[in-house]
């Protein structure tokens, strides 16, 4: 499992189930309604239990490229927070806009973690499932956002874990990490 040191922090790539990440926060690849769905979103909602709907309801949704943070519901400690990040639905005609929105979703997620003094956070490959963002395009965007956050100096976040669903996804992220000159 690839891991690099960035500033005072670390980025790690693993294959597995994000619900089992054992980090202070996990990031949910949410939809704009925050009402749950399929893939990672559905798995997190099932694990957190029905109270997660009660935690997200007051937000009334979330804009694409942004995120909100809630408690973790029934997900066991050490996970205390769920960051609900809304990535873009990919369109080749809007590639640059989609890339900017994906980057923003990662940046806002990390800022929310800082506000809660989170030390470790796990991300899925946001927007790469039903939202159709090519994982080879998404991986460097996600990794660069995390690297820049960790390089920025005094931060509570010290460990960023990308939890990838398949061996193929892990390989794509590993190659992106190496191509960024950090692997």
N, C-alpha and C. Protein backbone atom coordinates (compact mmCIF):
# COMPACT_ATOMS: atom_id res chain seq x y z
N UNK A 1 0.83 -1.18 0.00
CA UNK A 1 0.00 0.00 0.00
C UNK A 1 0.87 1.25 0.00
N UNK A 2 0.84 1.98 -1.09
CA UNK A 2 1.69 3.16 -1.23
C UNK A 2 1.39 4.22 -0.18
N UNK A 3 2.46 4.83 0.32
CA UNK A 3 2.33 5.91 1.30
C UNK A 3 3.49 6.87 1.08
N UNK A 4 3.19 8.17 1.12
CA UNK A 4 4.23 9.18 0.98
C UNK A 4 4.13 10.19 2.11
N UNK A 5 5.25 10.81 2.39
CA UNK A 5 5.29 11.91 3.36
C UNK A 5 5.18 13.21 2.58
N UNK A 6 4.27 14.08 3.03
CA UNK A 6 4.08 15.39 2.42
C UNK A 6 4.06 16.41 3.55
N UNK A 7 5.05 17.27 3.58
CA UNK A 7 5.12 18.23 4.69
C UNK A 7 5.19 17.46 6.00
N UNK A 8 4.31 17.83 6.93
CA UNK A 8 4.25 17.14 8.23
C UNK A 8 3.22 16.01 8.22
N UNK A 9 2.68 15.70 7.03
CA UNK A 9 1.63 14.69 6.95
C UNK A 9 1.98 13.54 6.04
N UNK A 10 1.00 12.67 5.86
CA UNK A 10 1.16 11.49 5.01
C UNK A 10 -0.08 11.29 4.15
N UNK A 11 0.16 10.77 2.95
CA UNK A 11 -0.92 10.32 2.07
C UNK A 11 -0.73 8.84 1.87
N UNK A 12 -1.79 8.09 2.05
CA UNK A 12 -1.73 6.63 1.91
C UNK A 12 -2.83 6.18 0.95
N UNK A 13 -2.52 5.18 0.16
CA UNK A 13 -3.49 4.58 -0.77
C UNK A 13 -3.75 3.15 -0.32
N UNK A 14 -5.03 2.79 -0.19
CA UNK A 14 -5.40 1.43 0.19
C UNK A 14 -6.61 0.99 -0.61
N UNK A 15 -6.76 -0.31 -0.74
CA UNK A 15 -7.99 -0.86 -1.31
C UNK A 15 -8.84 -1.34 -0.15
N UNK A 16 -10.14 -1.08 -0.21
CA UNK A 16 -11.00 -1.57 0.85
C UNK A 16 -12.32 -0.86 0.93
N UNK A 17 -12.92 -0.95 2.12
CA UNK A 17 -14.22 -0.38 2.42
C UNK A 17 -14.00 0.88 3.26
N UNK A 18 -14.41 2.02 2.76
CA UNK A 18 -14.16 3.28 3.46
C UNK A 18 -14.80 3.32 4.84
N UNK A 19 -15.88 2.60 5.03
CA UNK A 19 -16.55 2.56 6.34
C UNK A 19 -15.62 1.96 7.39
N UNK A 20 -14.69 1.12 6.97
CA UNK A 20 -13.74 0.47 7.88
C UNK A 20 -12.39 1.20 7.95
N UNK A 21 -12.35 2.44 7.53
CA UNK A 21 -11.07 3.16 7.39
C UNK A 21 -10.36 3.47 8.69
N UNK A 22 -11.07 3.53 9.79
CA UNK A 22 -10.45 3.83 11.10
C UNK A 22 -9.72 5.18 11.09
N UNK A 23 -10.38 6.18 10.53
CA UNK A 23 -9.88 7.56 10.54
C UNK A 23 -10.87 8.42 11.31
N UNK A 24 -10.43 9.61 11.71
CA UNK A 24 -11.31 10.53 12.45
C UNK A 24 -12.53 10.92 11.62
N UNK A 25 -12.34 11.05 10.32
CA UNK A 25 -13.43 11.42 9.41
C UNK A 25 -13.35 10.57 8.16
N UNK A 26 -14.51 10.32 7.57
CA UNK A 26 -14.57 9.70 6.24
C UNK A 26 -15.34 10.64 5.34
N UNK A 27 -14.97 10.65 4.08
CA UNK A 27 -15.65 11.50 3.10
C UNK A 27 -16.62 10.64 2.32
N UNK A 28 -17.84 11.12 2.24
CA UNK A 28 -18.89 10.46 1.49
C UNK A 28 -18.99 11.11 0.11
N UNK A 29 -19.02 10.31 -0.94
CA UNK A 29 -19.28 10.82 -2.28
C UNK A 29 -20.79 11.03 -2.39
N UNK A 30 -21.25 12.17 -1.90
CA UNK A 30 -22.68 12.43 -1.74
C UNK A 30 -23.30 12.99 -3.02
N UNK A 31 -24.63 12.94 -3.06
CA UNK A 31 -25.36 13.64 -4.10
C UNK A 31 -25.83 14.98 -3.53
N UNK A 32 -26.29 15.87 -4.39
CA UNK A 32 -26.64 17.23 -3.97
C UNK A 32 -27.78 17.28 -2.96
N UNK A 33 -28.63 16.26 -2.94
CA UNK A 33 -29.74 16.24 -1.98
C UNK A 33 -29.31 15.76 -0.60
N UNK A 34 -28.13 15.13 -0.51
CA UNK A 34 -27.61 14.53 0.74
C UNK A 34 -28.53 13.44 1.26
N UNK A 35 -29.34 12.86 0.39
CA UNK A 35 -30.35 11.89 0.82
C UNK A 35 -29.92 10.44 0.68
N UNK A 36 -28.68 10.19 0.38
CA UNK A 36 -28.23 8.81 0.20
C UNK A 36 -28.43 8.38 -1.23
N UNK A 37 -27.77 7.31 -1.60
CA UNK A 37 -27.86 6.82 -2.97
C UNK A 37 -27.18 5.49 -3.08
N UNK A 38 -26.50 5.25 -4.19
CA UNK A 38 -25.81 3.99 -4.40
C UNK A 38 -24.32 4.12 -4.11
N UNK A 39 -23.59 3.07 -4.40
CA UNK A 39 -22.14 3.08 -4.26
C UNK A 39 -21.67 3.43 -2.87
N UNK A 40 -20.64 4.25 -2.78
CA UNK A 40 -20.07 4.68 -1.50
C UNK A 40 -21.13 5.37 -0.65
N UNK A 41 -21.92 6.23 -1.27
CA UNK A 41 -22.97 6.97 -0.55
C UNK A 41 -23.93 6.01 0.14
N UNK A 42 -24.40 5.01 -0.58
CA UNK A 42 -25.32 4.03 0.01
C UNK A 42 -24.67 3.23 1.12
N UNK A 43 -23.42 2.83 0.92
CA UNK A 43 -22.72 2.04 1.94
C UNK A 43 -22.53 2.85 3.22
N UNK A 44 -22.18 4.11 3.09
CA UNK A 44 -22.00 4.95 4.27
C UNK A 44 -23.33 5.19 4.98
N UNK A 45 -24.38 5.45 4.22
CA UNK A 45 -25.70 5.65 4.85
C UNK A 45 -26.16 4.39 5.57
N UNK A 46 -25.95 3.23 4.98
CA UNK A 46 -26.35 1.98 5.65
C UNK A 46 -25.56 1.78 6.94
N UNK A 47 -24.26 2.04 6.90
CA UNK A 47 -23.43 1.83 8.08
C UNK A 47 -23.73 2.85 9.18
N UNK A 48 -24.01 4.08 8.80
CA UNK A 48 -24.25 5.14 9.78
C UNK A 48 -25.64 5.06 10.39
N UNK A 49 -26.57 4.40 9.69
CA UNK A 49 -27.92 4.24 10.21
C UNK A 49 -28.84 5.39 9.86
N UNK A 50 -30.12 5.24 10.21
CA UNK A 50 -31.12 6.24 9.82
C UNK A 50 -30.88 7.63 10.41
N UNK A 51 -30.13 7.71 11.50
CA UNK A 51 -29.87 9.03 12.08
C UNK A 51 -29.04 9.92 11.15
N UNK A 52 -28.35 9.32 10.18
CA UNK A 52 -27.58 10.14 9.25
C UNK A 52 -28.51 11.05 8.44
N UNK A 53 -29.70 10.56 8.10
CA UNK A 53 -30.66 11.40 7.39
C UNK A 53 -31.05 12.60 8.25
N UNK A 54 -31.20 12.38 9.55
CA UNK A 54 -31.54 13.47 10.46
C UNK A 54 -30.40 14.48 10.56
N UNK A 55 -29.17 14.00 10.48
CA UNK A 55 -28.01 14.89 10.56
C UNK A 55 -27.83 15.74 9.30
N UNK A 56 -28.20 15.18 8.14
CA UNK A 56 -28.01 15.91 6.88
C UNK A 56 -29.21 16.78 6.52
N UNK A 57 -30.38 16.45 7.01
CA UNK A 57 -31.61 17.17 6.63
C UNK A 57 -31.52 18.68 6.85
N UNK A 58 -31.00 19.17 7.98
CA UNK A 58 -30.97 20.62 8.19
C UNK A 58 -30.20 21.41 7.13
N UNK A 59 -29.30 20.76 6.41
CA UNK A 59 -28.53 21.46 5.39
C UNK A 59 -29.36 21.75 4.14
N UNK A 60 -30.41 20.98 3.91
CA UNK A 60 -31.25 21.20 2.75
C UNK A 60 -30.54 20.95 1.43
N UNK A 61 -29.50 20.16 1.46
CA UNK A 61 -28.73 19.85 0.25
C UNK A 61 -27.36 20.51 0.29
N UNK A 62 -26.62 20.31 -0.80
CA UNK A 62 -25.25 20.82 -0.88
C UNK A 62 -24.92 21.05 -2.35
N UNK A 63 -24.26 22.15 -2.64
CA UNK A 63 -23.90 22.48 -4.02
C UNK A 63 -22.77 21.58 -4.53
N UNK A 64 -22.77 21.35 -5.82
CA UNK A 64 -21.69 20.61 -6.46
C UNK A 64 -20.38 21.37 -6.26
N UNK A 65 -19.34 20.62 -5.89
CA UNK A 65 -18.04 21.23 -5.62
C UNK A 65 -17.87 21.68 -4.19
N UNK A 66 -18.88 21.41 -3.36
CA UNK A 66 -18.81 21.80 -1.96
C UNK A 66 -18.99 20.58 -1.07
N UNK A 67 -19.13 20.81 0.23
CA UNK A 67 -19.27 19.72 1.19
C UNK A 67 -19.87 20.25 2.48
N UNK A 68 -20.44 19.34 3.26
CA UNK A 68 -20.90 19.64 4.62
C UNK A 68 -20.37 18.54 5.52
N UNK A 69 -20.33 18.81 6.82
CA UNK A 69 -19.81 17.82 7.77
C UNK A 69 -20.85 17.54 8.84
N UNK A 70 -20.99 16.26 9.19
CA UNK A 70 -21.92 15.83 10.23
C UNK A 70 -21.21 14.86 11.16
N UNK A 71 -21.91 14.47 12.21
CA UNK A 71 -21.45 13.37 13.03
C UNK A 71 -21.47 12.09 12.21
N UNK A 72 -20.95 11.01 12.79
CA UNK A 72 -20.78 9.76 12.05
C UNK A 72 -21.90 8.76 12.26
N UNK A 73 -22.95 9.12 13.00
CA UNK A 73 -24.02 8.17 13.22
C UNK A 73 -23.51 6.93 13.92
N UNK A 74 -23.85 5.77 13.39
CA UNK A 74 -23.47 4.49 14.02
C UNK A 74 -22.13 3.93 13.57
N UNK A 75 -21.41 4.66 12.75
CA UNK A 75 -20.08 4.19 12.34
C UNK A 75 -19.19 4.22 13.58
N UNK A 76 -18.50 3.11 13.87
CA UNK A 76 -17.74 3.03 15.12
C UNK A 76 -16.53 3.97 15.18
N UNK A 77 -16.16 4.28 16.41
CA UNK A 77 -14.94 5.05 16.64
C UNK A 77 -13.75 4.28 16.07
N UNK A 78 -12.73 4.95 15.61
CA UNK A 78 -12.42 6.36 15.84
C UNK A 78 -13.13 7.35 14.94
N UNK A 79 -13.94 6.88 13.97
CA UNK A 79 -14.60 7.81 13.06
C UNK A 79 -15.66 8.62 13.81
N UNK A 80 -15.47 9.94 13.82
CA UNK A 80 -16.39 10.84 14.51
C UNK A 80 -17.19 11.71 13.56
N UNK A 81 -16.71 11.84 12.32
CA UNK A 81 -17.36 12.74 11.38
C UNK A 81 -17.49 12.10 10.00
N UNK A 82 -18.53 12.53 9.29
CA UNK A 82 -18.68 12.21 7.87
C UNK A 82 -18.73 13.54 7.13
N UNK A 83 -17.86 13.68 6.15
CA UNK A 83 -17.87 14.85 5.27
C UNK A 83 -18.61 14.42 4.01
N UNK A 84 -19.68 15.12 3.69
CA UNK A 84 -20.50 14.80 2.52
C UNK A 84 -20.08 15.73 1.39
N UNK A 85 -19.24 15.23 0.49
CA UNK A 85 -18.70 16.03 -0.61
C UNK A 85 -19.46 15.72 -1.89
N UNK A 86 -19.88 16.76 -2.58
CA UNK A 86 -20.65 16.58 -3.82
C UNK A 86 -19.74 16.89 -5.00
N UNK A 87 -19.35 15.84 -5.69
CA UNK A 87 -18.53 16.00 -6.88
C UNK A 87 -19.41 16.18 -8.11
N UNK A 88 -18.81 16.53 -9.23
CA UNK A 88 -19.57 16.78 -10.45
C UNK A 88 -19.93 15.51 -11.22
N UNK A 89 -21.02 15.60 -11.97
CA UNK A 89 -21.30 14.59 -13.00
C UNK A 89 -20.41 14.97 -14.18
N UNK A 90 -19.62 14.01 -14.64
CA UNK A 90 -18.61 14.32 -15.66
C UNK A 90 -19.22 14.47 -17.04
N UNK A 91 -18.68 15.44 -17.77
CA UNK A 91 -19.02 15.66 -19.17
C UNK A 91 -17.75 16.09 -19.88
N UNK A 92 -17.42 15.42 -20.99
CA UNK A 92 -16.21 15.80 -21.72
C UNK A 92 -16.31 17.23 -22.23
N UNK A 93 -17.52 17.69 -22.53
CA UNK A 93 -17.71 19.05 -23.02
C UNK A 93 -17.42 20.08 -21.93
N UNK A 94 -17.47 19.66 -20.69
CA UNK A 94 -17.23 20.56 -19.55
C UNK A 94 -16.05 20.07 -18.71
N UNK A 95 -15.05 19.48 -19.35
CA UNK A 95 -13.95 18.86 -18.62
C UNK A 95 -13.28 19.81 -17.62
N UNK A 96 -12.92 21.00 -18.05
CA UNK A 96 -12.22 21.94 -17.16
C UNK A 96 -13.10 22.33 -15.97
N UNK A 97 -14.37 22.57 -16.23
CA UNK A 97 -15.30 22.92 -15.15
C UNK A 97 -15.45 21.75 -14.18
N UNK A 98 -15.59 20.55 -14.70
CA UNK A 98 -15.71 19.36 -13.86
C UNK A 98 -14.46 19.16 -13.00
N UNK A 99 -13.30 19.37 -13.60
CA UNK A 99 -12.04 19.23 -12.85
C UNK A 99 -11.98 20.25 -11.71
N UNK A 100 -12.39 21.49 -11.98
CA UNK A 100 -12.37 22.53 -10.95
C UNK A 100 -13.35 22.19 -9.82
N UNK A 101 -14.52 21.67 -10.17
CA UNK A 101 -15.51 21.30 -9.15
C UNK A 101 -15.02 20.11 -8.32
N UNK A 102 -14.36 19.16 -8.95
CA UNK A 102 -13.83 18.01 -8.21
C UNK A 102 -12.74 18.47 -7.24
N UNK A 103 -11.87 19.32 -7.71
CA UNK A 103 -10.82 19.86 -6.85
C UNK A 103 -11.44 20.61 -5.67
N UNK A 104 -12.43 21.43 -5.96
CA UNK A 104 -13.11 22.20 -4.91
C UNK A 104 -13.75 21.29 -3.86
N UNK A 105 -14.38 20.20 -4.29
CA UNK A 105 -15.00 19.27 -3.35
C UNK A 105 -13.95 18.71 -2.38
N UNK A 106 -12.76 18.41 -2.88
CA UNK A 106 -11.67 17.93 -2.01
C UNK A 106 -11.17 19.03 -1.08
N UNK A 107 -10.97 20.22 -1.62
CA UNK A 107 -10.46 21.33 -0.81
C UNK A 107 -11.43 21.70 0.31
N UNK A 108 -12.71 21.81 -0.01
CA UNK A 108 -13.71 22.15 1.00
C UNK A 108 -13.77 21.06 2.06
N UNK A 109 -13.70 19.80 1.65
CA UNK A 109 -13.70 18.68 2.60
C UNK A 109 -12.55 18.81 3.59
N UNK A 110 -11.38 19.11 3.09
CA UNK A 110 -10.21 19.24 3.96
C UNK A 110 -10.34 20.45 4.89
N UNK A 111 -10.89 21.55 4.40
CA UNK A 111 -11.12 22.72 5.27
C UNK A 111 -12.10 22.40 6.39
N UNK A 112 -13.16 21.66 6.07
CA UNK A 112 -14.13 21.27 7.10
C UNK A 112 -13.46 20.38 8.15
N UNK A 113 -12.58 19.51 7.71
CA UNK A 113 -11.84 18.66 8.66
C UNK A 113 -10.98 19.52 9.58
N UNK A 114 -10.36 20.54 9.05
CA UNK A 114 -9.55 21.45 9.87
C UNK A 114 -10.41 22.12 10.93
N UNK A 115 -11.62 22.54 10.55
CA UNK A 115 -12.51 23.22 11.50
C UNK A 115 -12.88 22.33 12.68
N UNK A 116 -12.87 21.02 12.47
CA UNK A 116 -13.21 20.07 13.54
C UNK A 116 -11.96 19.43 14.16
N UNK A 117 -10.78 19.94 13.84
CA UNK A 117 -9.51 19.44 14.37
C UNK A 117 -9.30 17.95 14.08
N UNK A 118 -9.75 17.53 12.91
CA UNK A 118 -9.58 16.14 12.46
C UNK A 118 -8.10 15.92 12.13
N UNK A 119 -7.55 14.80 12.57
CA UNK A 119 -6.15 14.47 12.27
C UNK A 119 -6.01 13.50 11.11
N UNK A 120 -7.04 12.67 10.88
CA UNK A 120 -6.98 11.69 9.79
C UNK A 120 -8.31 11.65 9.07
N UNK A 121 -8.24 11.57 7.74
CA UNK A 121 -9.45 11.56 6.92
C UNK A 121 -9.27 10.58 5.76
N UNK A 122 -10.35 9.87 5.44
CA UNK A 122 -10.35 8.93 4.32
C UNK A 122 -11.27 9.43 3.22
N UNK A 123 -10.77 9.42 2.00
CA UNK A 123 -11.54 9.82 0.82
C UNK A 123 -11.79 8.62 -0.07
N UNK A 124 -12.97 8.55 -0.70
CA UNK A 124 -13.16 7.62 -1.81
C UNK A 124 -12.70 8.31 -3.10
N UNK A 125 -12.85 7.66 -4.22
CA UNK A 125 -12.57 8.28 -5.51
C UNK A 125 -13.84 9.01 -5.95
N UNK A 126 -14.00 10.23 -5.47
CA UNK A 126 -15.22 11.02 -5.68
C UNK A 126 -15.51 11.19 -7.16
N UNK A 127 -16.77 11.01 -7.53
CA UNK A 127 -17.33 11.21 -8.87
C UNK A 127 -16.94 10.16 -9.90
N UNK A 128 -16.16 9.14 -9.52
CA UNK A 128 -15.67 8.18 -10.52
C UNK A 128 -16.61 7.00 -10.74
N UNK A 129 -17.67 6.91 -9.97
CA UNK A 129 -18.64 5.82 -10.15
C UNK A 129 -19.72 6.25 -11.14
N UNK A 130 -20.96 6.31 -10.67
CA UNK A 130 -22.08 6.64 -11.55
C UNK A 130 -21.99 8.05 -12.11
N UNK A 131 -21.19 8.92 -11.50
CA UNK A 131 -21.04 10.29 -12.03
C UNK A 131 -20.08 10.34 -13.21
N UNK A 132 -19.41 9.21 -13.51
CA UNK A 132 -18.68 9.05 -14.76
C UNK A 132 -17.36 9.78 -14.93
N UNK A 133 -16.79 10.32 -13.85
CA UNK A 133 -15.51 11.02 -13.98
C UNK A 133 -14.43 9.97 -14.22
N UNK A 134 -13.66 10.07 -15.30
CA UNK A 134 -12.61 9.08 -15.55
C UNK A 134 -11.61 9.05 -14.39
N UNK A 135 -11.40 7.87 -13.83
CA UNK A 135 -10.55 7.78 -12.63
C UNK A 135 -9.12 8.23 -12.92
N UNK A 136 -8.62 7.99 -14.13
CA UNK A 136 -7.26 8.42 -14.45
C UNK A 136 -7.16 9.95 -14.49
N UNK A 137 -8.25 10.62 -14.73
CA UNK A 137 -8.29 12.09 -14.71
C UNK A 137 -8.52 12.59 -13.28
N UNK A 138 -9.36 11.87 -12.52
CA UNK A 138 -9.72 12.28 -11.16
C UNK A 138 -8.58 12.09 -10.16
N UNK A 139 -7.82 11.01 -10.31
CA UNK A 139 -6.79 10.67 -9.32
C UNK A 139 -5.78 11.80 -9.10
N UNK A 140 -5.16 12.36 -10.15
CA UNK A 140 -4.19 13.43 -9.88
C UNK A 140 -4.83 14.68 -9.29
N UNK A 141 -6.08 14.95 -9.63
CA UNK A 141 -6.77 16.12 -9.06
C UNK A 141 -6.94 15.93 -7.55
N UNK A 142 -7.41 14.75 -7.16
CA UNK A 142 -7.63 14.45 -5.74
C UNK A 142 -6.31 14.45 -4.98
N UNK A 143 -5.31 13.81 -5.53
CA UNK A 143 -4.01 13.72 -4.87
C UNK A 143 -3.34 15.09 -4.73
N UNK A 144 -3.42 15.91 -5.77
CA UNK A 144 -2.82 17.25 -5.70
C UNK A 144 -3.50 18.11 -4.64
N UNK A 145 -4.83 18.01 -4.54
CA UNK A 145 -5.54 18.78 -3.52
C UNK A 145 -5.07 18.38 -2.13
N UNK A 146 -4.91 17.09 -1.90
CA UNK A 146 -4.44 16.60 -0.59
C UNK A 146 -3.00 17.03 -0.34
N UNK A 147 -2.15 16.90 -1.35
CA UNK A 147 -0.75 17.27 -1.19
C UNK A 147 -0.60 18.76 -0.88
N UNK A 148 -1.32 19.59 -1.59
CA UNK A 148 -1.22 21.03 -1.35
C UNK A 148 -1.73 21.39 0.04
N UNK A 149 -2.76 20.72 0.49
CA UNK A 149 -3.28 20.97 1.84
C UNK A 149 -2.23 20.62 2.88
N UNK A 150 -1.61 19.46 2.73
CA UNK A 150 -0.61 19.03 3.71
C UNK A 150 0.65 19.90 3.69
N UNK A 151 1.00 20.43 2.52
CA UNK A 151 2.19 21.27 2.39
C UNK A 151 1.98 22.68 2.95
N UNK A 152 0.74 23.05 3.21
CA UNK A 152 0.41 24.44 3.56
C UNK A 152 0.84 24.86 4.96
N UNK A 153 1.41 23.96 5.73
CA UNK A 153 1.92 24.37 7.04
C UNK A 153 1.13 23.78 8.19
N UNK A 154 0.92 24.58 9.22
CA UNK A 154 0.26 24.11 10.44
C UNK A 154 -1.17 23.66 10.14
N UNK A 155 -1.38 22.38 10.20
CA UNK A 155 -2.68 21.79 9.92
C UNK A 155 -2.98 20.72 10.95
N UNK A 156 -4.26 20.55 11.26
CA UNK A 156 -4.63 19.44 12.15
C UNK A 156 -4.58 18.13 11.38
N UNK A 157 -4.95 18.17 10.10
CA UNK A 157 -4.95 16.96 9.28
C UNK A 157 -3.51 16.53 9.03
N UNK A 158 -3.19 15.33 9.47
CA UNK A 158 -1.84 14.78 9.32
C UNK A 158 -1.80 13.53 8.44
N UNK A 159 -2.98 12.93 8.24
CA UNK A 159 -3.02 11.69 7.46
C UNK A 159 -4.24 11.71 6.56
N UNK A 160 -4.00 11.60 5.25
CA UNK A 160 -5.06 11.51 4.26
C UNK A 160 -4.95 10.13 3.61
N UNK A 161 -6.03 9.37 3.69
CA UNK A 161 -6.06 8.02 3.13
C UNK A 161 -7.06 8.01 1.98
N UNK A 162 -6.64 7.53 0.83
CA UNK A 162 -7.57 7.32 -0.28
C UNK A 162 -7.92 5.84 -0.28
N UNK A 163 -9.18 5.54 -0.02
CA UNK A 163 -9.66 4.16 0.06
C UNK A 163 -10.33 3.85 -1.27
N UNK A 164 -9.67 3.00 -2.06
CA UNK A 164 -10.15 2.67 -3.40
C UNK A 164 -10.87 1.33 -3.39
N UNK A 165 -11.92 1.24 -4.18
CA UNK A 165 -12.81 0.09 -4.13
C UNK A 165 -12.22 -1.16 -4.77
N UNK A 166 -11.49 -1.00 -5.87
CA UNK A 166 -10.98 -2.17 -6.60
C UNK A 166 -9.46 -2.11 -6.73
N UNK A 167 -8.83 -3.26 -6.99
CA UNK A 167 -7.39 -3.24 -7.26
C UNK A 167 -7.04 -2.34 -8.45
N UNK A 168 -7.90 -2.31 -9.46
CA UNK A 168 -7.64 -1.46 -10.63
C UNK A 168 -7.65 0.02 -10.24
N UNK A 169 -8.60 0.42 -9.38
CA UNK A 169 -8.65 1.81 -8.92
C UNK A 169 -7.39 2.15 -8.12
N UNK A 170 -6.97 1.22 -7.27
CA UNK A 170 -5.75 1.43 -6.49
C UNK A 170 -4.55 1.61 -7.41
N UNK A 171 -4.48 0.82 -8.46
CA UNK A 171 -3.38 0.92 -9.42
C UNK A 171 -3.37 2.28 -10.11
N UNK A 172 -4.54 2.77 -10.50
CA UNK A 172 -4.61 4.08 -11.16
C UNK A 172 -4.13 5.18 -10.22
N UNK A 173 -4.58 5.14 -8.96
CA UNK A 173 -4.13 6.14 -7.99
C UNK A 173 -2.63 6.01 -7.72
N UNK A 174 -2.13 4.78 -7.66
CA UNK A 174 -0.69 4.56 -7.43
C UNK A 174 0.13 5.15 -8.57
N UNK A 175 -0.32 4.95 -9.80
CA UNK A 175 0.38 5.50 -10.96
C UNK A 175 0.33 7.03 -10.95
N UNK A 176 -0.82 7.58 -10.57
CA UNK A 176 -0.94 9.05 -10.50
C UNK A 176 0.00 9.61 -9.44
N UNK A 177 0.09 8.93 -8.32
CA UNK A 177 0.99 9.36 -7.24
C UNK A 177 2.44 9.35 -7.73
N UNK A 178 2.82 8.29 -8.43
CA UNK A 178 4.18 8.20 -8.97
C UNK A 178 4.43 9.29 -10.01
N UNK A 179 3.44 9.57 -10.86
CA UNK A 179 3.63 10.58 -11.91
C UNK A 179 3.72 11.99 -11.34
N UNK A 180 3.21 12.19 -10.14
CA UNK A 180 3.34 13.49 -9.49
C UNK A 180 4.72 13.67 -8.86
N UNK A 181 5.57 12.64 -9.03
CA UNK A 181 6.94 12.73 -8.55
C UNK A 181 7.08 12.52 -7.06
N UNK A 182 6.07 11.90 -6.46
CA UNK A 182 6.09 11.73 -5.01
C UNK A 182 6.11 10.26 -4.61
N UNK A 183 5.96 9.35 -5.56
CA UNK A 183 5.82 7.94 -5.21
C UNK A 183 7.10 7.18 -5.18
